[in-house]
N, C-alpha and C. Protein backbone atom coordinates (compact mmCIF):
# COMPACT_ATOMS: atom_id res chain seq x y z
N MET A 1 -205.30 -131.49 -18.83
CA MET A 1 -205.27 -130.58 -17.70
C MET A 1 -203.81 -130.36 -17.30
N SER A 2 -203.43 -129.10 -17.08
CA SER A 2 -202.05 -128.79 -16.71
C SER A 2 -201.78 -129.26 -15.28
N ILE A 3 -200.50 -129.40 -14.97
CA ILE A 3 -200.10 -129.84 -13.63
C ILE A 3 -200.60 -128.86 -12.59
N GLU A 4 -200.43 -127.55 -12.88
CA GLU A 4 -200.86 -126.54 -11.91
C GLU A 4 -202.36 -126.62 -11.66
N ARG A 5 -203.15 -126.79 -12.73
CA ARG A 5 -204.61 -126.91 -12.54
C ARG A 5 -204.97 -128.16 -11.73
N SER A 6 -204.25 -129.26 -11.99
CA SER A 6 -204.48 -130.49 -11.22
C SER A 6 -204.21 -130.26 -9.74
N LEU A 7 -203.10 -129.55 -9.45
CA LEU A 7 -202.75 -129.28 -8.06
C LEU A 7 -203.76 -128.33 -7.41
N ILE A 8 -204.21 -127.33 -8.15
CA ILE A 8 -205.20 -126.39 -7.61
C ILE A 8 -206.49 -127.13 -7.30
N SER A 9 -206.88 -128.03 -8.20
CA SER A 9 -208.09 -128.83 -7.97
C SER A 9 -207.93 -129.73 -6.75
N ARG A 10 -206.78 -130.41 -6.66
CA ARG A 10 -206.53 -131.33 -5.54
C ARG A 10 -206.50 -130.61 -4.21
N SER A 11 -205.91 -129.40 -4.19
CA SER A 11 -205.71 -128.69 -2.92
C SER A 11 -206.84 -127.74 -2.56
N GLY A 12 -207.75 -127.51 -3.49
CA GLY A 12 -208.80 -126.53 -3.22
C GLY A 12 -208.26 -125.10 -3.23
N SER A 13 -207.27 -124.84 -4.06
CA SER A 13 -206.63 -123.51 -4.21
C SER A 13 -205.97 -123.03 -2.92
N LYS A 14 -205.38 -123.96 -2.17
CA LYS A 14 -204.67 -123.62 -0.94
C LYS A 14 -203.32 -124.31 -0.93
N CYS A 15 -202.38 -123.73 -0.17
CA CYS A 15 -201.09 -124.37 0.05
C CYS A 15 -201.36 -125.72 0.71
N GLU A 16 -200.74 -126.76 0.18
CA GLU A 16 -201.02 -128.11 0.70
C GLU A 16 -200.34 -128.39 2.03
N LEU A 17 -199.52 -127.45 2.50
CA LEU A 17 -198.90 -127.62 3.82
C LEU A 17 -199.54 -126.73 4.86
N CYS A 18 -199.65 -125.42 4.58
CA CYS A 18 -200.13 -124.50 5.63
C CYS A 18 -201.54 -123.96 5.38
N GLY A 19 -202.09 -124.17 4.18
CA GLY A 19 -203.45 -123.72 3.91
C GLY A 19 -203.56 -122.29 3.41
N SER A 20 -202.45 -121.59 3.22
CA SER A 20 -202.48 -120.22 2.73
C SER A 20 -203.00 -120.19 1.29
N THR A 21 -203.65 -119.08 0.93
CA THR A 21 -204.15 -118.92 -0.44
C THR A 21 -203.32 -117.91 -1.22
N GLU A 22 -202.25 -117.40 -0.62
CA GLU A 22 -201.41 -116.36 -1.24
C GLU A 22 -200.21 -116.95 -1.97
N ASN A 23 -199.89 -116.38 -3.13
CA ASN A 23 -198.63 -116.66 -3.85
C ASN A 23 -198.38 -118.16 -4.03
N LEU A 24 -199.37 -118.86 -4.58
CA LEU A 24 -199.27 -120.32 -4.75
C LEU A 24 -198.46 -120.66 -6.00
N GLN A 25 -197.62 -121.71 -5.88
CA GLN A 25 -196.83 -122.16 -7.02
C GLN A 25 -196.54 -123.65 -6.89
N THR A 26 -196.27 -124.25 -8.03
CA THR A 26 -195.96 -125.68 -8.08
C THR A 26 -194.55 -125.92 -7.54
N TYR A 27 -194.40 -126.95 -6.74
CA TYR A 27 -193.10 -127.34 -6.19
C TYR A 27 -192.91 -128.82 -6.49
N GLU A 28 -191.89 -129.14 -7.30
CA GLU A 28 -191.58 -130.53 -7.60
C GLU A 28 -190.76 -131.11 -6.45
N VAL A 29 -191.21 -132.21 -5.90
CA VAL A 29 -190.57 -132.80 -4.72
C VAL A 29 -189.28 -133.51 -5.14
N PRO A 30 -188.12 -133.05 -4.61
CA PRO A 30 -186.86 -133.67 -4.98
C PRO A 30 -186.73 -135.06 -4.36
N PRO A 31 -185.80 -135.89 -4.77
CA PRO A 31 -184.74 -135.56 -5.71
C PRO A 31 -185.07 -135.90 -7.15
N ASP A 32 -186.03 -136.78 -7.41
CA ASP A 32 -186.21 -137.28 -8.77
C ASP A 32 -187.63 -137.04 -9.30
N SER A 33 -188.20 -135.88 -9.07
CA SER A 33 -189.55 -135.62 -9.53
C SER A 33 -189.61 -135.67 -11.05
N ASP A 34 -190.66 -136.30 -11.57
CA ASP A 34 -190.84 -136.35 -13.02
C ASP A 34 -191.71 -135.20 -13.51
N GLY A 35 -192.04 -134.26 -12.61
CA GLY A 35 -192.83 -133.10 -13.00
C GLY A 35 -194.33 -133.35 -13.02
N SER A 36 -194.76 -134.55 -12.65
CA SER A 36 -196.19 -134.87 -12.64
C SER A 36 -196.84 -134.31 -11.38
N ALA A 37 -198.17 -134.25 -11.40
CA ALA A 37 -198.91 -133.77 -10.23
C ALA A 37 -198.71 -134.70 -9.04
N ASP A 38 -198.52 -136.00 -9.31
CA ASP A 38 -198.32 -136.96 -8.21
C ASP A 38 -197.00 -136.72 -7.48
N GLN A 39 -196.01 -136.12 -8.15
CA GLN A 39 -194.71 -135.88 -7.53
C GLN A 39 -194.46 -134.40 -7.30
N SER A 40 -195.55 -133.64 -7.21
CA SER A 40 -195.47 -132.20 -6.96
C SER A 40 -196.51 -131.81 -5.92
N VAL A 41 -196.30 -130.65 -5.32
CA VAL A 41 -197.27 -130.10 -4.37
C VAL A 41 -197.48 -128.62 -4.71
N LEU A 42 -198.59 -128.07 -4.25
CA LEU A 42 -198.88 -126.66 -4.42
C LEU A 42 -198.52 -125.96 -3.11
N LEU A 43 -197.56 -125.03 -3.17
CA LEU A 43 -197.07 -124.37 -1.97
C LEU A 43 -197.20 -122.86 -2.07
N CYS A 44 -197.34 -122.22 -0.90
CA CYS A 44 -197.30 -120.76 -0.84
C CYS A 44 -195.83 -120.33 -0.85
N GLY A 45 -195.60 -119.05 -1.06
CA GLY A 45 -194.24 -118.52 -1.10
C GLY A 45 -193.48 -118.74 0.19
N THR A 46 -194.18 -118.63 1.33
CA THR A 46 -193.52 -118.79 2.63
C THR A 46 -192.99 -120.21 2.81
N CYS A 47 -193.83 -121.21 2.53
CA CYS A 47 -193.40 -122.60 2.68
C CYS A 47 -192.26 -122.91 1.73
N ARG A 48 -192.39 -122.46 0.49
CA ARG A 48 -191.36 -122.75 -0.51
C ARG A 48 -190.02 -122.12 -0.12
N THR A 49 -190.04 -120.86 0.32
CA THR A 49 -188.80 -120.18 0.73
C THR A 49 -188.13 -120.92 1.87
N GLN A 50 -188.92 -121.35 2.85
CA GLN A 50 -188.34 -122.02 4.01
C GLN A 50 -187.86 -123.44 3.68
N LEU A 51 -188.52 -124.10 2.72
CA LEU A 51 -188.05 -125.41 2.28
C LEU A 51 -186.70 -125.31 1.58
N ASP A 52 -186.57 -124.30 0.73
CA ASP A 52 -185.35 -124.13 -0.07
C ASP A 52 -184.21 -123.48 0.70
N ASN A 53 -184.51 -122.81 1.80
CA ASN A 53 -183.50 -122.08 2.58
C ASN A 53 -183.60 -122.47 4.05
N PRO A 54 -182.98 -123.57 4.44
CA PRO A 54 -183.10 -124.06 5.81
C PRO A 54 -182.69 -123.03 6.87
N ASP A 55 -181.84 -122.07 6.52
CA ASP A 55 -181.41 -121.07 7.49
C ASP A 55 -182.51 -120.03 7.76
N GLN A 56 -183.58 -120.02 6.97
CA GLN A 56 -184.67 -119.05 7.15
C GLN A 56 -185.92 -119.69 7.76
N VAL A 57 -185.79 -120.88 8.31
CA VAL A 57 -186.95 -121.61 8.83
C VAL A 57 -187.47 -120.98 10.11
N ASP A 58 -188.78 -120.75 10.14
CA ASP A 58 -189.48 -120.30 11.34
C ASP A 58 -190.25 -121.51 11.88
N PRO A 59 -189.76 -122.14 12.95
CA PRO A 59 -190.40 -123.36 13.45
C PRO A 59 -191.89 -123.21 13.71
N ASN A 60 -192.33 -122.05 14.18
CA ASN A 60 -193.75 -121.88 14.49
C ASN A 60 -194.62 -121.93 13.24
N HIS A 61 -194.09 -121.51 12.09
CA HIS A 61 -194.87 -121.59 10.85
C HIS A 61 -195.23 -123.05 10.56
N TRP A 62 -194.34 -123.97 10.90
CA TRP A 62 -194.51 -125.37 10.54
C TRP A 62 -195.42 -126.14 11.49
N ARG A 63 -196.02 -125.46 12.46
CA ARG A 63 -197.01 -126.14 13.31
C ARG A 63 -198.22 -126.59 12.47
N CYS A 64 -198.34 -126.01 11.27
CA CYS A 64 -199.39 -126.41 10.33
C CYS A 64 -199.27 -127.89 9.94
N LEU A 65 -198.08 -128.46 10.09
CA LEU A 65 -197.89 -129.87 9.71
C LEU A 65 -198.70 -130.81 10.59
N ASN A 66 -199.14 -130.32 11.75
CA ASN A 66 -200.01 -131.11 12.62
C ASN A 66 -201.25 -131.58 11.86
N ASP A 67 -201.71 -130.76 10.89
CA ASP A 67 -202.88 -131.13 10.08
C ASP A 67 -202.46 -131.73 8.74
N SER A 68 -201.52 -131.09 8.05
CA SER A 68 -201.20 -131.52 6.68
C SER A 68 -200.47 -132.86 6.61
N MET A 69 -199.84 -133.30 7.70
CA MET A 69 -199.14 -134.58 7.66
C MET A 69 -200.10 -135.75 7.47
N TRP A 70 -201.39 -135.52 7.71
CA TRP A 70 -202.39 -136.57 7.56
C TRP A 70 -202.95 -136.64 6.14
N SER A 71 -202.43 -135.82 5.24
CA SER A 71 -202.87 -135.83 3.84
C SER A 71 -202.74 -137.23 3.25
N GLN A 72 -203.63 -137.56 2.32
CA GLN A 72 -203.56 -138.86 1.64
C GLN A 72 -202.63 -138.80 0.44
N THR A 73 -202.07 -137.61 0.14
CA THR A 73 -201.18 -137.42 -1.00
C THR A 73 -199.74 -137.71 -0.60
N PRO A 74 -199.11 -138.72 -1.21
CA PRO A 74 -197.74 -139.07 -0.83
C PRO A 74 -196.75 -137.91 -0.91
N ALA A 75 -196.85 -137.05 -1.92
CA ALA A 75 -195.91 -135.93 -2.04
C ALA A 75 -196.02 -134.99 -0.84
N VAL A 76 -197.22 -134.77 -0.34
CA VAL A 76 -197.42 -133.92 0.84
C VAL A 76 -196.84 -134.63 2.07
N GLN A 77 -197.07 -135.92 2.18
CA GLN A 77 -196.53 -136.69 3.30
C GLN A 77 -195.01 -136.63 3.33
N VAL A 78 -194.38 -136.71 2.15
CA VAL A 78 -192.92 -136.67 2.05
C VAL A 78 -192.38 -135.34 2.56
N ILE A 79 -192.97 -134.24 2.10
CA ILE A 79 -192.52 -132.91 2.53
C ILE A 79 -192.74 -132.73 4.03
N ALA A 80 -193.89 -133.18 4.53
CA ALA A 80 -194.17 -133.07 5.97
C ALA A 80 -193.14 -133.86 6.77
N TRP A 81 -192.84 -135.09 6.35
CA TRP A 81 -191.86 -135.93 7.05
C TRP A 81 -190.50 -135.25 7.07
N ARG A 82 -190.08 -134.71 5.92
CA ARG A 82 -188.76 -134.06 5.84
C ARG A 82 -188.68 -132.83 6.74
N MET A 83 -189.74 -132.01 6.75
CA MET A 83 -189.71 -130.81 7.59
C MET A 83 -189.76 -131.17 9.07
N LEU A 84 -190.54 -132.16 9.43
CA LEU A 84 -190.58 -132.58 10.83
C LEU A 84 -189.21 -133.10 11.28
N ASN A 85 -188.52 -133.81 10.41
CA ASN A 85 -187.17 -134.27 10.74
C ASN A 85 -186.22 -133.10 10.89
N ARG A 86 -186.33 -132.13 9.98
CA ARG A 86 -185.45 -130.96 10.01
C ARG A 86 -185.64 -130.18 11.31
N LEU A 87 -186.87 -130.19 11.83
CA LEU A 87 -187.21 -129.40 13.03
C LEU A 87 -187.24 -130.24 14.31
N SER A 88 -186.87 -131.50 14.24
CA SER A 88 -187.08 -132.41 15.38
C SER A 88 -186.44 -131.94 16.68
N ALA A 89 -185.40 -131.11 16.60
CA ALA A 89 -184.75 -130.61 17.82
C ALA A 89 -185.67 -129.68 18.62
N GLU A 90 -186.72 -129.18 17.99
CA GLU A 90 -187.66 -128.27 18.67
C GLU A 90 -188.52 -128.99 19.71
N GLY A 91 -188.62 -130.31 19.61
CA GLY A 91 -189.42 -131.07 20.58
C GLY A 91 -190.76 -131.49 20.00
N TRP A 92 -191.65 -130.53 19.74
CA TRP A 92 -192.99 -130.88 19.25
C TRP A 92 -192.97 -131.60 17.91
N PRO A 93 -192.04 -131.31 16.97
CA PRO A 93 -192.05 -132.07 15.72
C PRO A 93 -191.75 -133.56 15.92
N GLN A 94 -190.93 -133.89 16.92
CA GLN A 94 -190.62 -135.29 17.17
C GLN A 94 -191.86 -136.05 17.60
N ASP A 95 -192.74 -135.38 18.38
CA ASP A 95 -193.99 -136.02 18.78
C ASP A 95 -194.85 -136.34 17.55
N LEU A 96 -194.90 -135.40 16.59
CA LEU A 96 -195.68 -135.63 15.37
C LEU A 96 -195.04 -136.74 14.53
N LEU A 97 -193.72 -136.75 14.45
CA LEU A 97 -193.02 -137.79 13.70
C LEU A 97 -193.33 -139.17 14.26
N ASP A 98 -193.41 -139.26 15.57
CA ASP A 98 -193.70 -140.54 16.21
C ASP A 98 -195.08 -141.06 15.83
N MET A 99 -196.01 -140.14 15.48
CA MET A 99 -197.36 -140.54 15.09
C MET A 99 -197.50 -140.79 13.59
N LEU A 100 -196.60 -140.22 12.79
CA LEU A 100 -196.72 -140.28 11.33
C LEU A 100 -196.31 -141.65 10.80
N TYR A 101 -197.18 -142.23 9.99
CA TYR A 101 -196.88 -143.51 9.35
C TYR A 101 -196.82 -143.30 7.84
N LEU A 102 -195.74 -143.76 7.22
CA LEU A 102 -195.61 -143.74 5.76
C LEU A 102 -195.44 -145.17 5.28
N ASP A 103 -196.08 -145.51 4.16
CA ASP A 103 -195.86 -146.84 3.60
C ASP A 103 -194.40 -146.92 3.12
N GLU A 104 -193.93 -148.12 2.82
CA GLU A 104 -192.50 -148.33 2.51
C GLU A 104 -192.02 -147.48 1.34
N GLU A 105 -192.80 -147.42 0.26
CA GLU A 105 -192.39 -146.66 -0.92
C GLU A 105 -192.29 -145.17 -0.62
N THR A 106 -193.28 -144.64 0.10
CA THR A 106 -193.28 -143.22 0.47
C THR A 106 -192.13 -142.92 1.43
N GLN A 107 -191.84 -143.83 2.35
CA GLN A 107 -190.73 -143.65 3.29
C GLN A 107 -189.40 -143.59 2.54
N ARG A 108 -189.21 -144.47 1.55
CA ARG A 108 -187.98 -144.44 0.74
C ARG A 108 -187.85 -143.11 0.01
N TRP A 109 -188.96 -142.62 -0.53
CA TRP A 109 -188.96 -141.34 -1.23
C TRP A 109 -188.58 -140.22 -0.26
N ALA A 110 -189.17 -140.24 0.93
CA ALA A 110 -188.89 -139.20 1.94
C ALA A 110 -187.42 -139.20 2.34
N GLU A 111 -186.82 -140.38 2.44
CA GLU A 111 -185.43 -140.50 2.88
C GLU A 111 -184.42 -140.30 1.74
N ALA A 112 -184.89 -140.20 0.51
CA ALA A 112 -184.00 -140.16 -0.67
C ALA A 112 -183.05 -138.97 -0.67
N THR A 113 -183.39 -137.89 0.01
CA THR A 113 -182.49 -136.73 0.05
C THR A 113 -181.54 -136.79 1.24
N GLY A 114 -181.69 -137.81 2.08
CA GLY A 114 -180.83 -137.93 3.25
C GLY A 114 -181.39 -137.21 4.46
N GLU A 115 -182.53 -136.56 4.30
CA GLU A 115 -183.18 -135.87 5.42
C GLU A 115 -183.55 -136.89 6.49
N GLY A 116 -183.26 -136.58 7.71
CA GLY A 116 -183.62 -137.46 8.82
C GLY A 116 -182.58 -138.53 9.12
N LEU A 117 -181.55 -138.63 8.29
CA LEU A 117 -180.50 -139.60 8.57
C LEU A 117 -179.35 -138.91 9.28
N SER A 118 -178.67 -139.64 10.14
CA SER A 118 -177.50 -139.06 10.79
C SER A 118 -176.39 -138.93 9.76
N ASP A 119 -175.41 -138.08 10.04
CA ASP A 119 -174.31 -137.87 9.09
C ASP A 119 -173.58 -139.17 8.76
N SER A 120 -173.49 -140.07 9.74
CA SER A 120 -172.78 -141.32 9.49
C SER A 120 -173.59 -142.26 8.60
N ASP A 121 -174.93 -142.15 8.60
CA ASP A 121 -175.78 -143.00 7.77
C ASP A 121 -175.97 -142.44 6.36
N ARG A 122 -175.76 -141.15 6.19
CA ARG A 122 -176.00 -140.48 4.92
C ARG A 122 -174.88 -140.80 3.93
N VAL A 123 -175.27 -141.19 2.72
CA VAL A 123 -174.29 -141.45 1.67
C VAL A 123 -173.74 -140.11 1.20
N GLN A 124 -172.42 -139.96 1.22
CA GLN A 124 -171.81 -138.71 0.78
C GLN A 124 -171.07 -138.92 -0.53
N HIS A 125 -171.32 -138.03 -1.46
CA HIS A 125 -170.64 -138.05 -2.74
C HIS A 125 -169.51 -137.03 -2.66
N LEU A 126 -168.26 -137.48 -2.87
CA LEU A 126 -167.09 -136.62 -2.78
C LEU A 126 -166.42 -136.51 -4.14
N ASP A 127 -165.99 -135.29 -4.48
CA ASP A 127 -165.28 -135.11 -5.75
C ASP A 127 -163.82 -135.57 -5.60
N SER A 128 -163.01 -135.36 -6.64
CA SER A 128 -161.63 -135.83 -6.63
C SER A 128 -160.78 -135.18 -5.54
N ASN A 129 -161.22 -134.02 -5.04
CA ASN A 129 -160.48 -133.32 -3.98
C ASN A 129 -161.08 -133.55 -2.59
N GLY A 130 -162.12 -134.37 -2.50
CA GLY A 130 -162.75 -134.65 -1.21
C GLY A 130 -163.85 -133.67 -0.84
N ALA A 131 -164.23 -132.76 -1.74
CA ALA A 131 -165.32 -131.82 -1.46
C ALA A 131 -166.65 -132.55 -1.59
N ILE A 132 -167.59 -132.24 -0.70
CA ILE A 132 -168.91 -132.88 -0.71
C ILE A 132 -169.73 -132.33 -1.87
N LEU A 133 -170.28 -133.23 -2.67
CA LEU A 133 -171.15 -132.85 -3.79
C LEU A 133 -172.60 -132.94 -3.36
N GLU A 134 -173.40 -132.00 -3.83
CA GLU A 134 -174.82 -132.00 -3.55
C GLU A 134 -175.59 -131.90 -4.85
N ALA A 135 -176.83 -132.37 -4.84
CA ALA A 135 -177.67 -132.29 -6.03
C ALA A 135 -177.78 -130.83 -6.46
N GLY A 136 -177.66 -130.59 -7.76
CA GLY A 136 -177.75 -129.24 -8.29
C GLY A 136 -176.40 -128.55 -8.45
N ASP A 137 -175.32 -129.12 -7.90
CA ASP A 137 -173.99 -128.53 -8.03
C ASP A 137 -173.53 -128.54 -9.48
N THR A 138 -172.53 -127.71 -9.75
CA THR A 138 -171.83 -127.73 -11.04
C THR A 138 -170.45 -128.31 -10.79
N VAL A 139 -170.06 -129.26 -11.66
CA VAL A 139 -168.74 -129.87 -11.55
C VAL A 139 -168.01 -129.73 -12.88
N THR A 140 -166.70 -129.88 -12.83
CA THR A 140 -165.86 -129.83 -14.02
C THR A 140 -165.15 -131.17 -14.16
N LEU A 141 -165.13 -131.71 -15.39
CA LEU A 141 -164.43 -132.97 -15.64
C LEU A 141 -162.93 -132.72 -15.56
N ILE A 142 -162.18 -133.65 -14.91
CA ILE A 142 -160.74 -133.47 -14.76
C ILE A 142 -159.95 -134.35 -15.73
N LYS A 143 -160.67 -135.13 -16.54
CA LYS A 143 -160.00 -135.93 -17.58
C LYS A 143 -160.99 -136.22 -18.69
N ASP A 144 -160.48 -136.54 -19.87
CA ASP A 144 -161.34 -136.94 -20.99
C ASP A 144 -162.00 -138.27 -20.64
N LEU A 145 -163.31 -138.36 -20.89
CA LEU A 145 -164.04 -139.59 -20.58
C LEU A 145 -164.72 -140.11 -21.84
N ASN A 146 -164.45 -141.36 -22.21
CA ASN A 146 -165.16 -141.99 -23.32
C ASN A 146 -166.53 -142.40 -22.81
N VAL A 147 -167.57 -141.91 -23.46
CA VAL A 147 -168.94 -142.21 -23.04
C VAL A 147 -169.41 -143.43 -23.81
N LYS A 148 -169.56 -144.54 -23.10
CA LYS A 148 -169.96 -145.79 -23.73
C LYS A 148 -171.39 -145.69 -24.26
N GLY A 149 -171.59 -146.18 -25.47
CA GLY A 149 -172.93 -146.21 -26.04
C GLY A 149 -173.37 -144.89 -26.67
N ALA A 150 -172.63 -143.82 -26.46
CA ALA A 150 -173.04 -142.53 -27.02
C ALA A 150 -172.07 -142.04 -28.10
N ASN A 151 -170.96 -142.75 -28.28
CA ASN A 151 -170.00 -142.45 -29.34
C ASN A 151 -169.45 -141.03 -29.31
N PHE A 152 -169.11 -140.54 -28.13
CA PHE A 152 -168.40 -139.27 -28.02
C PHE A 152 -167.52 -139.29 -26.79
N THR A 153 -166.61 -138.35 -26.74
CA THR A 153 -165.71 -138.21 -25.59
C THR A 153 -166.05 -136.92 -24.87
N ALA A 154 -166.33 -137.02 -23.58
CA ALA A 154 -166.57 -135.82 -22.75
C ALA A 154 -165.18 -135.27 -22.41
N LYS A 155 -164.91 -134.07 -22.89
CA LYS A 155 -163.58 -133.49 -22.77
C LYS A 155 -163.29 -132.94 -21.38
N ARG A 156 -162.02 -133.04 -20.99
CA ARG A 156 -161.56 -132.46 -19.73
C ARG A 156 -161.88 -130.97 -19.74
N GLY A 157 -162.33 -130.45 -18.61
CA GLY A 157 -162.68 -129.03 -18.51
C GLY A 157 -164.14 -128.74 -18.79
N THR A 158 -164.90 -129.75 -19.24
CA THR A 158 -166.32 -129.56 -19.51
C THR A 158 -167.07 -129.35 -18.19
N ALA A 159 -167.88 -128.30 -18.15
CA ALA A 159 -168.70 -128.05 -16.96
C ALA A 159 -170.00 -128.84 -17.07
N VAL A 160 -170.35 -129.53 -16.01
CA VAL A 160 -171.60 -130.29 -15.94
C VAL A 160 -172.45 -129.62 -14.88
N ARG A 161 -173.54 -128.97 -15.31
CA ARG A 161 -174.37 -128.19 -14.40
C ARG A 161 -175.57 -129.00 -13.90
N GLY A 162 -176.00 -128.70 -12.70
CA GLY A 162 -177.21 -129.30 -12.15
C GLY A 162 -177.13 -130.81 -12.02
N ILE A 163 -176.04 -131.31 -11.43
CA ILE A 163 -175.87 -132.75 -11.30
C ILE A 163 -176.94 -133.33 -10.37
N SER A 164 -177.18 -134.62 -10.53
CA SER A 164 -178.01 -135.34 -9.56
C SER A 164 -177.16 -136.46 -8.99
N LEU A 165 -177.46 -136.84 -7.77
CA LEU A 165 -176.68 -137.86 -7.07
C LEU A 165 -177.34 -139.22 -7.23
N VAL A 166 -176.55 -140.26 -7.44
CA VAL A 166 -177.06 -141.62 -7.44
C VAL A 166 -177.12 -142.03 -5.97
N GLN A 167 -178.34 -142.16 -5.45
CA GLN A 167 -178.53 -142.28 -4.00
C GLN A 167 -177.86 -143.48 -3.36
N ASP A 168 -177.81 -144.61 -4.06
CA ASP A 168 -177.27 -145.80 -3.42
C ASP A 168 -175.81 -146.06 -3.77
N ASN A 169 -175.17 -145.13 -4.51
CA ASN A 169 -173.76 -145.33 -4.86
C ASN A 169 -173.01 -144.01 -4.74
N PRO A 170 -172.17 -143.86 -3.72
CA PRO A 170 -171.48 -142.59 -3.50
C PRO A 170 -170.41 -142.27 -4.54
N GLU A 171 -170.10 -143.22 -5.42
CA GLU A 171 -169.08 -142.98 -6.44
C GLU A 171 -169.68 -142.53 -7.77
N HIS A 172 -171.01 -142.45 -7.87
CA HIS A 172 -171.66 -142.08 -9.13
C HIS A 172 -172.51 -140.82 -8.98
N ILE A 173 -172.43 -139.96 -10.00
CA ILE A 173 -173.35 -138.84 -10.15
C ILE A 173 -173.89 -138.89 -11.57
N GLU A 174 -174.95 -138.15 -11.83
CA GLU A 174 -175.49 -138.05 -13.18
C GLU A 174 -175.50 -136.61 -13.60
N GLY A 175 -175.26 -136.39 -14.89
CA GLY A 175 -175.28 -135.03 -15.42
C GLY A 175 -175.44 -135.07 -16.93
N ARG A 176 -175.71 -133.91 -17.50
CA ARG A 176 -175.93 -133.80 -18.93
C ARG A 176 -174.68 -133.25 -19.61
N VAL A 177 -174.16 -134.02 -20.57
CA VAL A 177 -172.99 -133.62 -21.37
C VAL A 177 -173.37 -133.83 -22.84
N ASN A 178 -173.15 -132.81 -23.66
CA ASN A 178 -173.50 -132.88 -25.09
C ASN A 178 -174.95 -133.32 -25.30
N GLY A 179 -175.84 -132.86 -24.43
CA GLY A 179 -177.25 -133.19 -24.56
C GLY A 179 -177.63 -134.58 -24.11
N GLN A 180 -176.68 -135.35 -23.60
CA GLN A 180 -176.93 -136.71 -23.13
C GLN A 180 -176.82 -136.78 -21.61
N GLN A 181 -177.76 -137.46 -20.98
CA GLN A 181 -177.69 -137.70 -19.54
C GLN A 181 -176.76 -138.89 -19.32
N ILE A 182 -175.65 -138.68 -18.61
CA ILE A 182 -174.68 -139.76 -18.41
C ILE A 182 -174.36 -139.93 -16.93
N VAL A 183 -173.85 -141.11 -16.61
CA VAL A 183 -173.35 -141.39 -15.25
C VAL A 183 -171.85 -141.11 -15.26
N ILE A 184 -171.38 -140.39 -14.24
CA ILE A 184 -169.98 -140.00 -14.15
C ILE A 184 -169.44 -140.46 -12.80
N LEU A 185 -168.24 -140.99 -12.80
CA LEU A 185 -167.58 -141.36 -11.54
C LEU A 185 -167.12 -140.09 -10.83
N THR A 186 -167.37 -140.00 -9.54
CA THR A 186 -167.02 -138.79 -8.78
C THR A 186 -165.52 -138.53 -8.77
N LYS A 187 -164.70 -139.57 -8.93
CA LYS A 187 -163.25 -139.37 -8.90
C LYS A 187 -162.74 -138.63 -10.14
N PHE A 188 -163.61 -138.43 -11.14
CA PHE A 188 -163.21 -137.73 -12.37
C PHE A 188 -163.78 -136.32 -12.44
N VAL A 189 -164.30 -135.80 -11.34
CA VAL A 189 -164.87 -134.45 -11.35
C VAL A 189 -164.31 -133.60 -10.22
N LYS A 190 -164.39 -132.29 -10.42
CA LYS A 190 -163.99 -131.33 -9.40
C LYS A 190 -165.16 -130.37 -9.24
N LYS A 191 -165.56 -130.13 -8.00
CA LYS A 191 -166.68 -129.23 -7.74
C LYS A 191 -166.28 -127.81 -8.12
N SER A 192 -167.18 -127.12 -8.83
CA SER A 192 -166.94 -125.73 -9.20
C SER A 192 -167.43 -124.83 -8.07
N SER A 193 -166.68 -123.74 -7.82
CA SER A 193 -167.09 -122.87 -6.72
C SER A 193 -167.98 -121.75 -7.18
């Protein structure tokens, strides 16, 4: 069974956050989704657009979380927790957050993107020039790097697209070079504009 069919079956052909039946699509929950149904949710276009574009959020649309936050699906709980944190300044989301309970593993997953943490608590990954790196950024290597165990040298000037951040170490990022997923020290990269 495909992931999309599994999600449609699990959700009853509705958005797992707001219940809409329009424009449904699979959404892999960041930061480290393996693409499985357990780490994905079925979302409508409206929810997906607002998740991906925080500047387009309509707080009233998210009142639907009053119901969906009680889902037994951890991926849905994670998205609900993150959106409630993002909207907590509105007042009513904070009340819902106070009622929401996540087990330890789900809570760690929800916090993995830094959502809900204050700026001082959030681990920041900085490039060699002090620019803040975010998951999905493209960086350029500023020196030749010998890749241990892979028997090649990542050349200076190589662009590394779609990086991921090592959550517990602000000096490490991961990216694909020469078809290999490698760990790179942030002091050896420059963020591409």
